[in-house]
Amino acid sequence: MRDIERIDYLLELLGDIWKDHQDVRFNQLIYLLHSKYIDINGGIGRVESDDGINMPMTGYDLFNVEDDKFISFLEDIKKSGL
């Protein structure tokens, strides 16, 4: 069973990061965090597809990223900035 304390801690980190970037809307923040996580982790979670008219589309899927890895990432973002 996963540690329940991770939830409050993750949300606290997310809140601290958001407060440092108050002008960013919540979903923009999530998008930026996903994008940065994927960039620094070798593309893990990047989903690319073609829309049928040769227009590449990129999305982010962090479904399989464990909370402890994402928490570590958020701690680094809190220290170094977005």
PDB file of N, CA and C in Angstrom:
ATOM      1  N   MET A   1       0.844  -1.180   0.000  1.00  0.00           N
ATOM      2  CA  MET A   1       0.000   0.000   0.000  1.00  0.00           C
ATOM      3  C   MET A   1       0.888   1.241   0.000  1.00  0.00           C
ATOM      4  N   ARG A   2       0.504   2.215  -0.766  1.00  0.00           N
ATOM      5  CA  ARG A   2       1.272   3.446  -0.871  1.00  0.00           C
ATOM      6  C   ARG A   2       1.044   4.326   0.364  1.00  0.00           C
ATOM      7  N   ASP A   3       2.071   5.094   0.695  1.00  0.00           N
ATOM      8  CA  ASP A   3       2.023   5.992   1.839  1.00  0.00           C
ATOM      9  C   ASP A   3       1.025   7.123   1.590  1.00  0.00           C
ATOM     10  N   ILE A   4       0.028   7.227   2.443  1.00  0.00           N
ATOM     11  CA  ILE A   4      -1.015   8.242   2.279  1.00  0.00           C
ATOM     12  C   ILE A   4      -0.465   9.670   2.436  1.00  0.00           C
ATOM     13  N   GLU A   5       0.637   9.820   3.151  1.00  0.00           N
ATOM     14  CA  GLU A   5       1.239  11.142   3.376  1.00  0.00           C
ATOM     15  C   GLU A   5       1.735  11.773   2.077  1.00  0.00           C
ATOM     16  N   ARG A   6       1.993  10.959   1.069  1.00  0.00           N
ATOM     17  CA  ARG A   6       2.499  11.482  -0.192  1.00  0.00           C
ATOM     18  C   ARG A   6       1.495  12.438  -0.829  1.00  0.00           C
ATOM     19  N   ILE A   7       0.221  12.229  -0.564  1.00  0.00           N
ATOM     20  CA  ILE A   7      -0.824  13.042  -1.196  1.00  0.00           C
ATOM     21  C   ILE A   7      -0.713  14.487  -0.741  1.00  0.00           C
ATOM     22  N   ASP A   8      -0.710  14.719   0.553  1.00  0.00           N
ATOM     23  CA  ASP A   8      -0.613  16.091   1.068  1.00  0.00           C
ATOM     24  C   ASP A   8       0.697  16.739   0.645  1.00  0.00           C
ATOM     25  N   TYR A   9       1.784  15.967   0.678  1.00  0.00           N
ATOM     26  CA  TYR A   9       3.085  16.520   0.324  1.00  0.00           C
ATOM     27  C   TYR A   9       3.135  16.910  -1.147  1.00  0.00           C
ATOM     28  N   LEU A  10       2.636  16.044  -2.020  1.00  0.00           N
ATOM     29  CA  LEU A  10       2.609  16.351  -3.446  1.00  0.00           C
ATOM     30  C   LEU A  10       1.766  17.594  -3.714  1.00  0.00           C
ATOM     31  N   LEU A  11       0.608  17.676  -3.078  1.00  0.00           N
ATOM     32  CA  LEU A  11      -0.258  18.832  -3.271  1.00  0.00           C
ATOM     33  C   LEU A  11       0.381  20.111  -2.731  1.00  0.00           C
ATOM     34  N   GLU A  12       1.118  19.988  -1.635  1.00  0.00           N
ATOM     35  CA  GLU A  12       1.833  21.142  -1.080  1.00  0.00           C
ATOM     36  C   GLU A  12       2.901  21.631  -2.062  1.00  0.00           C
ATOM     37  N   LEU A  13       3.665  20.710  -2.613  1.00  0.00           N
ATOM     38  CA  LEU A  13       4.677  21.082  -3.601  1.00  0.00           C
ATOM     39  C   LEU A  13       4.041  21.754  -4.815  1.00  0.00           C
ATOM     40  N   LEU A  14       2.971  21.160  -5.305  1.00  0.00           N
ATOM     41  CA  LEU A  14       2.268  21.718  -6.452  1.00  0.00           C
ATOM     42  C   LEU A  14       1.769  23.126  -6.140  1.00  0.00           C
ATOM     43  N   GLY A  15       1.207  23.317  -4.950  1.00  0.00           N
ATOM     44  CA  GLY A  15       0.730  24.637  -4.539  1.00  0.00           C
ATOM     45  C   GLY A  15       1.859  25.647  -4.448  1.00  0.00           C
ATOM     46  N   ASP A  16       2.999  25.242  -3.897  1.00  0.00           N
ATOM     47  CA  ASP A  16       4.149  26.145  -3.787  1.00  0.00           C
ATOM     48  C   ASP A  16       4.641  26.568  -5.170  1.00  0.00           C
ATOM     49  N   ILE A  17       4.714  25.616  -6.080  1.00  0.00           N
ATOM     50  CA  ILE A  17       5.157  25.923  -7.447  1.00  0.00           C
ATOM     51  C   ILE A  17       4.167  26.858  -8.122  1.00  0.00           C
ATOM     52  N   TRP A  18       2.891  26.597  -7.943  1.00  0.00           N
ATOM     53  CA  TRP A  18       1.865  27.430  -8.568  1.00  0.00           C
ATOM     54  C   TRP A  18       1.921  28.849  -8.006  1.00  0.00           C
ATOM     55  N   LYS A  19       2.128  28.978  -6.710  1.00  0.00           N
ATOM     56  CA  LYS A  19       2.231  30.313  -6.098  1.00  0.00           C
ATOM     57  C   LYS A  19       3.423  31.085  -6.643  1.00  0.00           C
ATOM     58  N   ASP A  20       4.480  30.370  -7.008  1.00  0.00           N
ATOM     59  CA  ASP A  20       5.637  31.030  -7.616  1.00  0.00           C
ATOM     60  C   ASP A  20       5.360  31.480  -9.045  1.00  0.00           C
ATOM     61  N   HIS A  21       4.296  30.939  -9.640  1.00  0.00           N
ATOM     62  CA  HIS A  21       3.912  31.266 -11.022  1.00  0.00           C
ATOM     63  C   HIS A  21       2.417  31.579 -11.053  1.00  0.00           C
ATOM     64  N   GLN A  22       2.024  32.573 -10.283  1.00  0.00           N
ATOM     65  CA  GLN A  22       0.604  32.889 -10.055  1.00  0.00           C
ATOM     66  C   GLN A  22      -0.182  33.233 -11.313  1.00  0.00           C
ATOM     67  N   ASP A  23       0.511  33.762 -12.323  1.00  0.00           N
ATOM     68  CA  ASP A  23      -0.201  34.184 -13.527  1.00  0.00           C
ATOM     69  C   ASP A  23      -0.540  33.027 -14.465  1.00  0.00           C
ATOM     70  N   VAL A  24      -0.044  31.843 -14.127  1.00  0.00           N
ATOM     71  CA  VAL A  24      -0.313  30.657 -14.944  1.00  0.00           C
ATOM     72  C   VAL A  24      -1.596  30.007 -14.448  1.00  0.00           C
ATOM     73  N   ARG A  25      -2.472  29.675 -15.390  1.00  0.00           N
ATOM     74  CA  ARG A  25      -3.689  28.950 -15.023  1.00  0.00           C
ATOM     75  C   ARG A  25      -3.324  27.517 -14.632  1.00  0.00           C
ATOM     76  N   PHE A  26      -4.175  26.867 -13.838  1.00  0.00           N
ATOM     77  CA  PHE A  26      -3.876  25.529 -13.320  1.00  0.00           C
ATOM     78  C   PHE A  26      -3.537  24.540 -14.424  1.00  0.00           C
ATOM     79  N   ASN A  27      -4.370  24.472 -15.451  1.00  0.00           N
ATOM     80  CA  ASN A  27      -4.116  23.490 -16.508  1.00  0.00           C
ATOM     81  C   ASN A  27      -2.871  23.831 -17.318  1.00  0.00           C
ATOM     82  N   GLN A  28      -2.529  25.108 -17.410  1.00  0.00           N
ATOM     83  CA  GLN A  28      -1.262  25.477 -18.030  1.00  0.00           C
ATOM     84  C   GLN A  28      -0.103  24.941 -17.190  1.00  0.00           C
ATOM     85  N   LEU A  29      -0.212  25.093 -15.886  1.00  0.00           N
ATOM     86  CA  LEU A  29       0.823  24.606 -14.980  1.00  0.00           C
ATOM     87  C   LEU A  29       1.016  23.099 -15.152  1.00  0.00           C
ATOM     88  N   ILE A  30      -0.069  22.354 -15.170  1.00  0.00           N
ATOM     89  CA  ILE A  30       0.006  20.902 -15.329  1.00  0.00           C
ATOM     90  C   ILE A  30       0.654  20.562 -16.670  1.00  0.00           C
ATOM     91  N   TYR A  31       0.258  21.243 -17.725  1.00  0.00           N
ATOM     92  CA  TYR A  31       0.833  21.017 -19.050  1.00  0.00           C
ATOM     93  C   TYR A  31       2.334  21.284 -19.037  1.00  0.00           C
ATOM     94  N   LEU A  32       2.746  22.415 -18.442  1.00  0.00           N
ATOM     95  CA  LEU A  32       4.164  22.773 -18.380  1.00  0.00           C
ATOM     96  C   LEU A  32       4.961  21.760 -17.571  1.00  0.00           C
ATOM     97  N   LEU A  33       4.390  21.308 -16.455  1.00  0.00           N
ATOM     98  CA  LEU A  33       5.066  20.317 -15.630  1.00  0.00           C
ATOM     99  C   LEU A  33       5.217  18.990 -16.378  1.00  0.00           C
ATOM    100  N   HIS A  34       4.170  18.555 -17.044  1.00  0.00           N
ATOM    101  CA  HIS A  34       4.246  17.315 -17.835  1.00  0.00           C
ATOM    102  C   HIS A  34       5.325  17.447 -18.900  1.00  0.00           C
ATOM    103  N   SER A  35       5.294  18.551 -19.622  1.00  0.00           N
ATOM    104  CA  SER A  35       6.254  18.772 -20.694  1.00  0.00           C
ATOM    105  C   SER A  35       7.688  18.756 -20.175  1.00  0.00           C
ATOM    106  N   LYS A  36       7.933  19.447 -19.076  1.00  0.00           N
ATOM    107  CA  LYS A  36       9.279  19.506 -18.508  1.00  0.00           C
ATOM    108  C   LYS A  36       9.710  18.130 -17.992  1.00  0.00           C
ATOM    109  N   TYR A  37       8.815  17.416 -17.332  1.00  0.00           N
ATOM    110  CA  TYR A  37       9.140  16.073 -16.837  1.00  0.00           C
ATOM    111  C   TYR A  37       9.587  15.180 -17.987  1.00  0.00           C
ATOM    112  N   ILE A  38       8.846  15.215 -19.062  1.00  0.00           N
ATOM    113  CA  ILE A  38       9.141  14.379 -20.221  1.00  0.00           C
ATOM    114  C   ILE A  38      10.467  14.785 -20.854  1.00  0.00           C
ATOM    115  N   ASP A  39      10.708  16.082 -20.953  1.00  0.00           N
ATOM    116  CA  ASP A  39      11.955  16.561 -21.551  1.00  0.00           C
ATOM    117  C   ASP A  39      13.179  16.099 -20.767  1.00  0.00           C
ATOM    118  N   ILE A  40      13.113  16.147 -19.448  1.00  0.00           N
ATOM    119  CA  ILE A  40      14.303  15.793 -18.668  1.00  0.00           C
ATOM    120  C   ILE A  40      14.403  14.288 -18.408  1.00  0.00           C
ATOM    121  N   ASN A  41      13.400  13.534 -18.819  1.00  0.00           N
ATOM    122  CA  ASN A  41      13.421  12.082 -18.612  1.00  0.00           C
ATOM    123  C   ASN A  41      13.440  11.317 -19.934  1.00  0.00           C
ATOM    124  N   GLY A  42      14.072  11.898 -20.915  1.00  0.00           N
ATOM    125  CA  GLY A  42      14.300  11.186 -22.170  1.00  0.00           C
ATOM    126  C   GLY A  42      13.061  10.877 -22.987  1.00  0.00           C
ATOM    127  N   GLY A  43      12.031  11.668 -22.845  1.00  0.00           N
ATOM    128  CA  GLY A  43      10.830  11.470 -23.646  1.00  0.00           C
ATOM    129  C   GLY A  43       9.826  10.494 -23.072  1.00  0.00           C
ATOM    130  N   ILE A  44      10.107   9.965 -21.878  1.00  0.00           N
ATOM    131  CA  ILE A  44       9.157   9.039 -21.255  1.00  0.00           C
ATOM    132  C   ILE A  44       7.828   9.749 -21.031  1.00  0.00           C
ATOM    133  N   GLY A  45       6.764   9.215 -21.606  1.00  0.00           N
ATOM    134  CA  GLY A  45       5.443   9.803 -21.464  1.00  0.00           C
ATOM    135  C   GLY A  45       4.991  10.627 -22.659  1.00  0.00           C
ATOM    136  N   ARG A  46       5.891  10.862 -23.613  1.00  0.00           N
ATOM    137  CA  ARG A  46       5.511  11.620 -24.810  1.00  0.00           C
ATOM    138  C   ARG A  46       4.728  10.690 -25.730  1.00  0.00           C
ATOM    139  N   VAL A  47       3.606  11.182 -26.213  1.00  0.00           N
ATOM    140  CA  VAL A  47       2.759  10.421 -27.124  1.00  0.00           C
ATOM    141  C   VAL A  47       2.629  11.240 -28.397  1.00  0.00           C
ATOM    142  N   GLU A  48       3.056  10.653 -29.494  1.00  0.00           N
ATOM    143  CA  GLU A  48       2.977  11.357 -30.764  1.00  0.00           C
ATOM    144  C   GLU A  48       2.078  10.594 -31.716  1.00  0.00           C
ATOM    145  N   SER A  49       1.311  11.351 -32.485  1.00  0.00           N
ATOM    146  CA  SER A  49       0.430  10.731 -33.467  1.00  0.00           C
ATOM    147  C   SER A  49       0.301  11.664 -34.669  1.00  0.00           C
ATOM    148  N   ASP A  50      -0.357  11.186 -35.668  1.00  0.00           N
ATOM    149  CA  ASP A  50      -0.590  11.945 -36.889  1.00  0.00           C
ATOM    150  C   ASP A  50      -2.101  12.124 -37.012  1.00  0.00           C
ATOM    151  N   ASP A  51      -2.525  13.310 -37.368  1.00  0.00           N
ATOM    152  CA  ASP A  51      -3.966  13.572 -37.431  1.00  0.00           C
ATOM    153  C   ASP A  51      -4.606  13.138 -38.745  1.00  0.00           C
ATOM    154  N   GLY A  52      -3.830  12.516 -39.611  1.00  0.00           N
ATOM    155  CA  GLY A  52      -4.388  12.037 -40.876  1.00  0.00           C
ATOM    156  C   GLY A  52      -4.063  12.939 -42.048  1.00  0.00           C
ATOM    157  N   ILE A  53      -3.649  14.163 -41.777  1.00  0.00           N
ATOM    158  CA  ILE A  53      -3.258  15.069 -42.858  1.00  0.00           C
ATOM    159  C   ILE A  53      -1.813  15.530 -42.665  1.00  0.00           C
ATOM    160  N   ASN A  54      -1.025  14.603 -42.125  1.00  0.00           N
ATOM    161  CA  ASN A  54       0.405  14.844 -41.903  1.00  0.00           C
ATOM    162  C   ASN A  54       0.698  15.989 -40.937  1.00  0.00           C
ATOM    163  N   MET A  55      -0.174  16.187 -40.000  1.00  0.00           N
ATOM    164  CA  MET A  55       0.050  17.193 -38.957  1.00  0.00           C
ATOM    165  C   MET A  55       0.402  16.440 -37.683  1.00  0.00           C
ATOM    166  N   PRO A  56       1.685  16.453 -37.291  1.00  0.00           N
ATOM    167  CA  PRO A  56       2.063  15.727 -36.072  1.00  0.00           C
ATOM    168  C   PRO A  56       1.426  16.345 -34.830  1.00  0.00           C
ATOM    169  N   MET A  57       1.020  15.487 -33.932  1.00  0.00           N
ATOM    170  CA  MET A  57       0.409  15.941 -32.683  1.00  0.00           C
ATOM    171  C   MET A  57       1.171  15.285 -31.531  1.00  0.00           C
ATOM    172  N   THR A  58       1.436  16.085 -30.484  1.00  0.00           N
ATOM    173  CA  THR A  58       2.150  15.572 -29.325  1.00  0.00           C
ATOM    174  C   THR A  58       1.283  15.729 -28.092  1.00  0.00           C
ATOM    175  N   GLY A  59       1.222  14.693 -27.295  1.00  0.00           N
ATOM    176  CA  GLY A  59       0.487  14.727 -26.036  1.00  0.00           C
ATOM    177  C   GLY A  59       1.367  14.168 -24.931  1.00  0.00           C
ATOM    178  N   TYR A  60       0.866  14.222 -23.717  1.00  0.00           N
ATOM    179  CA  TYR A  60       1.629  13.775 -22.559  1.00  0.00           C
ATOM    180  C   TYR A  60       0.808  12.770 -21.768  1.00  0.00           C
ATOM    181  N   ASP A  61       1.448  11.667 -21.429  1.00  0.00           N
ATOM    182  CA  ASP A  61       0.782  10.615 -20.679  1.00  0.00           C
ATOM    183  C   ASP A  61       1.714  10.143 -19.564  1.00  0.00           C
ATOM    184  N   LEU A  62       1.458  10.597 -18.357  1.00  0.00           N
ATOM    185  CA  LEU A  62       2.287  10.228 -17.216  1.00  0.00           C
ATOM    186  C   LEU A  62       1.571   9.230 -16.313  1.00  0.00           C
ATOM    187  N   PHE A  63       0.662   8.479 -16.870  1.00  0.00           N
ATOM    188  CA  PHE A  63      -0.142   7.525 -16.114  1.00  0.00           C
ATOM    189  C   PHE A  63       0.714   6.559 -15.308  1.00  0.00           C
ATOM    190  N   ASN A  64       1.818   6.108 -15.881  1.00  0.00           N
ATOM    191  CA  ASN A  64       2.641   5.090 -15.233  1.00  0.00           C
ATOM    192  C   ASN A  64       3.780   5.636 -14.389  1.00  0.00           C
ATOM    193  N   VAL A  65       3.885   6.943 -14.267  1.00  0.00           N
ATOM    194  CA  VAL A  65       4.949   7.535 -13.448  1.00  0.00           C
ATOM    195  C   VAL A  65       4.563   7.392 -11.978  1.00  0.00           C
ATOM    196  N   GLU A  66       5.446   6.788 -11.200  1.00  0.00           N
ATOM    197  CA  GLU A  66       5.185   6.609  -9.767  1.00  0.00           C
ATOM    198  C   GLU A  66       5.229   7.955  -9.047  1.00  0.00           C
ATOM    199  N   ASP A  67       4.423   8.079  -8.010  1.00  0.00           N
ATOM    200  CA  ASP A  67       4.323   9.332  -7.265  1.00  0.00           C
ATOM    201  C   ASP A  67       5.662   9.780  -6.702  1.00  0.00           C
ATOM    202  N   ASP A  68       6.469   8.846  -6.201  1.00  0.00           N
ATOM    203  CA  ASP A  68       7.743   9.251  -5.606  1.00  0.00           C
ATOM    204  C   ASP A  68       8.667   9.883  -6.646  1.00  0.00           C
ATOM    205  N   LYS A  69       8.623   9.404  -7.881  1.00  0.00           N
ATOM    206  CA  LYS A  69       9.434  10.003  -8.942  1.00  0.00           C
ATOM    207  C   LYS A  69       8.914  11.389  -9.295  1.00  0.00           C
ATOM    208  N   PHE A  70       7.604  11.548  -9.327  1.00  0.00           N
ATOM    209  CA  PHE A  70       7.040  12.854  -9.653  1.00  0.00           C
ATOM    210  C   PHE A  70       7.267  13.831  -8.500  1.00  0.00           C
ATOM    211  N   ILE A  71       7.207  13.350  -7.284  1.00  0.00           N
ATOM    212  CA  ILE A  71       7.493  14.198  -6.116  1.00  0.00           C
ATOM    213  C   ILE A  71       8.935  14.685  -6.168  1.00  0.00           C
ATOM    214  N   SER A  72       9.853  13.809  -6.488  1.00  0.00           N
ATOM    215  CA  SER A  72      11.257  14.194  -6.609  1.00  0.00           C
ATOM    216  C   SER A  72      11.426  15.266  -7.684  1.00  0.00           C
ATOM    217  N   PHE A  73      10.744  15.085  -8.792  1.00  0.00           N
ATOM    218  CA  PHE A  73      10.751  16.074  -9.875  1.00  0.00           C
ATOM    219  C   PHE A  73      10.206  17.416  -9.381  1.00  0.00           C
ATOM    220  N   LEU A  74       9.078  17.393  -8.674  1.00  0.00           N
ATOM    221  CA  LEU A  74       8.494  18.627  -8.154  1.00  0.00           C
ATOM    222  C   LEU A  74       9.413  19.317  -7.145  1.00  0.00           C
ATOM    223  N   GLU A  75      10.105  18.539  -6.333  1.00  0.00           N
ATOM    224  CA  GLU A  75      11.071  19.119  -5.389  1.00  0.00           C
ATOM    225  C   GLU A  75      12.167  19.864  -6.158  1.00  0.00           C
ATOM    226  N   ASP A  76      12.645  19.267  -7.237  1.00  0.00           N
ATOM    227  CA  ASP A  76      13.667  19.928  -8.062  1.00  0.00           C
ATOM    228  C   ASP A  76      13.122  21.204  -8.703  1.00  0.00           C
ATOM    229  N   ILE A  77      11.881  21.154  -9.175  1.00  0.00           N
ATOM    230  CA  ILE A  77      11.262  22.330  -9.794  1.00  0.00           C
ATOM    231  C   ILE A  77      11.095  23.433  -8.753  1.00  0.00           C
ATOM    232  N   LYS A  78      10.707  23.069  -7.558  1.00  0.00           N
ATOM    233  CA  LYS A  78      10.530  24.054  -6.485  1.00  0.00           C
ATOM    234  C   LYS A  78      11.843  24.772  -6.193  1.00  0.00           C
ATOM    235  N   LYS A  79      12.955  24.028  -6.236  1.00  0.00           N
ATOM    236  CA  LYS A  79      14.276  24.618  -5.974  1.00  0.00           C
ATOM    237  C   LYS A  79      14.779  25.459  -7.141  1.00  0.00           C
ATOM    238  N   SER A  80      14.634  24.927  -8.341  1.00  0.00           N
ATOM    239  CA  SER A  80      15.280  25.565  -9.501  1.00  0.00           C
ATOM    240  C   SER A  80      14.336  26.425 -10.338  1.00  0.00           C
ATOM    241  N   GLY A  81      13.045  26.252 -10.168  1.00  0.00           N
ATOM    242  CA  GLY A  81      12.078  27.024 -10.940  1.00  0.00           C
ATOM    243  C   GLY A  81      11.584  26.277 -12.173  1.00  0.00           C
ATOM    244  N   LEU A  82      10.510  26.764 -12.698  1.00  0.00           N
ATOM    245  CA  LEU A  82       9.866  26.135 -13.844  1.00  0.00           C
ATOM    246  C   LEU A  82      10.544  26.637 -15.084  1.00  0.00           C
TER     247      LEU A  82
END
